[in-house]
């Protein structure tokens, strides 16, 4: 038997229905539903979740800061001062320092900013729906404080606020909180890709700079 035949035989054996009376057939007997054997929760506390998410985001070359809710407006101001930026109409007004008013452009579904105008702006600021610590992934779902997908993809600099209560440990926890019918955007660091020689290129299909502000 060749190695290929041996591998295929093992696959067929694993996929074959279990014989009555075998240990595999006994699993789930009595009407109990047999579910997948993967983890559905990480069990990490808030401090551990924040530490893990920060570690993953830094590894992806994002810039990360953890602030209190009282310091959020100032943290956003330092990143957007003097810049022209877009913000969704549902972003909390308390997050934006009055000094930023002149540079702000507001986007909404009723009055969307066109792509040409978005491309002329320096940055975008949004909130986020869920962040998955283990993979360093931030998810936007198009809620009013996150806005349309276009505003987070066209400007070259994304300032993204992550409320600490939206951080989860692993992927199943994250998707359990999301509505799959919404327009989901998954962000793992600044936009980047690599060519065949593994040369990293940033900003190919999204912002080259990602600032993540975790608000506790």
Protein backbone atom coordinates (compact mmCIF):
# COMPACT_ATOMS: atom_id res chain seq x y z
CA UNK A 1 0.00 0.00 0.00
CA UNK A 2 1.35 3.41 -0.94
CA UNK A 3 1.52 6.29 1.51
CA UNK A 4 -1.31 7.96 -0.40
CA UNK A 5 -3.52 4.87 -0.10
CA UNK A 6 -2.75 4.61 3.60
CA UNK A 7 -3.70 8.25 4.24
CA UNK A 8 -6.95 7.91 2.28
CA UNK A 9 -7.81 4.70 4.13
CA UNK A 10 -7.38 6.46 7.45
CA UNK A 11 -9.59 9.32 6.28
CA UNK A 12 -12.32 6.91 5.16
CA UNK A 13 -12.11 5.08 8.47
CA UNK A 14 -12.43 8.31 10.42
CA UNK A 15 -15.43 9.43 8.37
CA UNK A 16 -17.25 6.07 8.42
CA UNK A 17 -20.37 5.73 10.63
CA UNK A 18 -19.59 4.22 14.02
CA UNK A 19 -20.69 0.63 14.59
CA UNK A 20 -23.46 0.01 17.11
CA UNK A 21 -21.95 -0.74 20.49
CA UNK A 22 -18.65 0.98 19.75
CA UNK A 23 -17.38 3.76 22.09
CA UNK A 24 -17.96 6.35 19.35
CA UNK A 25 -21.57 5.22 18.94
CA UNK A 26 -22.19 5.56 22.68
CA UNK A 27 -21.21 9.25 22.65
CA UNK A 28 -24.36 11.32 22.62
CA UNK A 29 -26.63 8.36 23.43
CA UNK A 30 -29.84 9.07 25.27
CA UNK A 31 -30.83 11.86 22.93
CA UNK A 32 -27.99 14.23 23.86
CA UNK A 33 -26.71 16.30 20.95
CA UNK A 34 -23.03 15.89 20.20
CA UNK A 35 -21.39 19.25 19.59
CA UNK A 36 -17.99 20.31 18.31
CA UNK A 37 -15.05 19.83 20.62
CA UNK A 38 -13.58 23.32 20.31
CA UNK A 39 -13.31 25.99 22.99
CA UNK A 40 -16.13 28.54 23.18
CA UNK A 41 -14.64 30.75 25.90
CA UNK A 42 -11.16 31.77 26.96
CA UNK A 43 -11.77 32.23 30.67
CA UNK A 44 -9.45 35.26 30.78
CA UNK A 45 -10.20 38.20 33.05
CA UNK A 46 -10.26 41.81 31.85
CA UNK A 47 -6.62 42.55 32.62
CA UNK A 48 -5.46 39.43 30.80
CA UNK A 49 -7.67 40.20 27.80
CA UNK A 50 -6.28 43.72 27.50
CA UNK A 51 -2.69 42.51 27.86
CA UNK A 52 -3.14 39.84 25.19
CA UNK A 53 -4.90 42.17 22.76
CA UNK A 54 -2.20 44.83 23.15
CA UNK A 55 0.52 42.24 22.55
CA UNK A 56 -1.14 41.00 19.35
CA UNK A 57 -1.84 44.48 18.01
CA UNK A 58 1.74 45.60 18.60
CA UNK A 59 2.93 42.50 16.78
CA UNK A 60 0.80 43.62 13.82
CA UNK A 61 2.53 47.05 13.97
CA UNK A 62 -0.51 48.92 15.24
CA UNK A 63 0.04 51.79 17.70
CA UNK A 64 -1.80 51.07 20.93
CA UNK A 65 -2.68 53.05 24.04
CA UNK A 66 -4.81 52.09 27.03
CA UNK A 67 -6.65 55.00 28.63
CA UNK A 68 -9.44 55.63 31.09
CA UNK A 69 -12.76 56.90 29.79
CA UNK A 70 -11.86 60.34 31.16
CA UNK A 71 -8.72 60.43 29.05
CA UNK A 72 -10.29 59.21 25.81
CA UNK A 73 -11.06 62.61 24.26
CA UNK A 74 -7.51 63.82 24.89
CA UNK A 75 -6.01 60.63 23.43
CA UNK A 76 -8.05 61.09 20.25
CA UNK A 77 -7.16 64.79 20.09
CA UNK A 78 -3.42 64.10 20.14
CA UNK A 79 -3.80 61.84 17.10
CA UNK A 80 -6.10 64.07 15.06
CA UNK A 81 -5.00 67.61 15.96
CA UNK A 82 -4.45 69.62 12.78
CA UNK A 83 -5.79 66.86 10.52
CA UNK A 84 -8.84 66.67 8.30
CA UNK A 85 -10.76 63.59 9.32
CA UNK A 86 -14.08 61.84 8.87
CA UNK A 87 -16.23 60.54 11.71
CA UNK A 88 -19.53 58.64 11.61
CA UNK A 89 -22.57 60.62 12.70
CA UNK A 90 -23.16 58.22 15.62
CA UNK A 91 -19.77 58.74 17.25
CA UNK A 92 -20.29 60.07 20.82
CA UNK A 93 -19.76 63.83 20.80
CA UNK A 94 -17.90 63.62 24.13
CA UNK A 95 -15.10 61.69 22.40
CA UNK A 96 -14.07 64.64 20.22
CA UNK A 97 -12.31 67.65 21.72
CA UNK A 98 -13.79 71.02 20.62
CA UNK A 99 -10.47 71.90 18.97
CA UNK A 100 -11.12 69.18 16.39
CA UNK A 101 -14.39 70.67 15.14
CA UNK A 102 -12.82 72.56 12.24
CA UNK A 103 -11.19 69.48 10.73
CA UNK A 104 -14.16 67.14 11.12
CA UNK A 105 -16.26 65.85 8.24
CA UNK A 106 -19.36 63.90 9.26
CA UNK A 107 -20.48 60.83 7.32
CA UNK A 108 -23.87 59.16 7.44
CA UNK A 109 -25.93 56.81 5.32
CA UNK A 110 -28.32 59.66 4.60
CA UNK A 111 -25.49 62.03 3.59
CA UNK A 112 -22.48 59.87 2.63
CA UNK A 113 -19.13 61.46 1.87
CA UNK A 114 -18.09 60.44 -1.64
CA UNK A 115 -14.96 58.36 -2.18
CA UNK A 116 -13.02 61.17 -3.83
CA UNK A 117 -13.58 63.40 -0.80
CA UNK A 118 -12.69 60.56 1.58
CA UNK A 119 -9.42 60.07 -0.27
CA UNK A 120 -8.55 63.73 0.34
CA UNK A 121 -8.98 63.40 4.11
CA UNK A 122 -6.11 62.51 6.44
CA UNK A 123 -7.82 60.16 8.85
CA UNK A 124 -10.94 58.50 10.19
CA UNK A 125 -12.05 57.88 13.77
CA UNK A 126 -14.51 55.14 14.71
CA UNK A 127 -15.54 52.93 17.56
CA UNK A 128 -15.64 49.13 17.22
CA UNK A 129 -18.06 46.29 17.86
CA UNK A 130 -15.88 43.42 19.11
CA UNK A 131 -12.15 42.80 19.52
CA UNK A 132 -10.68 39.30 19.71
CA UNK A 133 -7.60 39.24 21.92
CA UNK A 134 -6.10 35.93 20.79
CA UNK A 135 -5.98 36.94 17.11
CA UNK A 136 -5.58 40.69 17.59
CA UNK A 137 -8.63 41.29 15.43
CA UNK A 138 -10.92 44.31 15.69
CA UNK A 139 -14.39 43.97 14.15
CA UNK A 140 -16.54 46.84 12.88
CA UNK A 141 -20.20 46.06 12.15
CA UNK A 142 -21.50 49.29 10.64
CA UNK A 143 -23.22 50.50 13.81
CA UNK A 144 -23.79 54.28 14.07
CA UNK A 145 -20.55 54.83 16.02
CA UNK A 146 -18.59 52.93 13.34
CA UNK A 147 -20.31 54.08 10.18
CA UNK A 148 -20.10 52.85 6.63
CA UNK A 149 -17.35 50.45 5.62
CA UNK A 150 -15.89 52.96 3.12
CA UNK A 151 -14.85 55.47 5.76
CA UNK A 152 -12.62 52.93 7.54
CA UNK A 153 -10.98 51.75 4.30
CA UNK A 154 -10.21 54.87 2.25
CA UNK A 155 -8.42 57.35 4.59
CA UNK A 156 -4.78 56.49 5.25
CA UNK A 157 -4.96 56.73 9.06
CA UNK A 158 -7.54 54.96 11.23
CA UNK A 159 -8.03 55.91 14.88
CA UNK A 160 -10.12 53.09 16.36
CA UNK A 161 -11.58 53.12 19.86
CA UNK A 162 -11.97 49.75 21.58
CA UNK A 163 -14.26 49.88 24.64
CA UNK A 164 -12.84 47.37 27.10
CA UNK A 165 -16.20 45.63 27.55
CA UNK A 166 -16.15 44.64 23.87
CA UNK A 167 -12.94 42.62 24.17
CA UNK A 168 -13.28 38.83 24.13
CA UNK A 169 -10.68 36.11 24.27
CA UNK A 170 -11.21 33.84 21.27
CA UNK A 171 -12.97 33.77 17.91
CA UNK A 172 -16.11 31.81 18.96
CA UNK A 173 -16.76 34.37 21.70
CA UNK A 174 -16.40 37.19 19.22
CA UNK A 175 -18.76 35.82 16.59
CA UNK A 176 -21.32 34.92 19.24
CA UNK A 177 -21.67 38.68 19.84
CA UNK A 178 -21.95 39.63 16.17
CA UNK A 179 -24.86 39.71 13.76
CA UNK A 180 -23.66 37.92 10.60
CA UNK A 181 -26.14 39.85 8.46
CA UNK A 182 -24.36 43.13 9.19
CA UNK A 183 -21.47 44.48 7.06
CA UNK A 184 -18.52 43.17 9.08
CA UNK A 185 -15.02 44.55 8.64
CA UNK A 186 -12.22 42.60 10.35
CA UNK A 187 -9.03 44.54 11.09
CA UNK A 188 -5.79 42.93 12.21
CA UNK A 189 -3.26 45.76 12.21
CA UNK A 190 -2.59 48.26 9.42
CA UNK A 191 -3.43 47.15 5.89
CA UNK A 192 -0.51 45.05 4.64
CA UNK A 193 0.47 42.36 2.19
CA UNK A 194 3.65 40.64 1.01
CA UNK A 195 4.95 39.87 -2.45
CA UNK A 196 6.53 36.59 -3.49
CA UNK A 197 9.82 37.67 -1.90
CA UNK A 198 8.00 38.35 1.38
CA UNK A 199 8.59 42.09 1.18
CA UNK A 200 5.94 43.71 3.40
CA UNK A 201 3.92 46.49 1.76
CA UNK A 202 1.50 48.55 3.84
CA UNK A 203 -1.54 50.53 2.75
CA UNK A 204 -2.50 48.38 -0.24
CA UNK A 205 -6.18 47.97 0.58
CA UNK A 206 -6.76 50.13 3.65
CA UNK A 207 -5.11 52.49 6.14
CA UNK A 208 -1.34 52.31 6.50
CA UNK A 209 -1.52 53.62 10.07
CA UNK A 210 -3.74 52.11 12.75
CA UNK A 211 -4.05 53.76 16.15
CA UNK A 212 -5.97 51.67 18.68
CA UNK A 213 -7.19 53.35 21.86
CA UNK A 214 -8.48 50.90 24.46
CA UNK A 215 -10.89 52.71 26.78
CA UNK A 216 -11.30 51.22 30.25
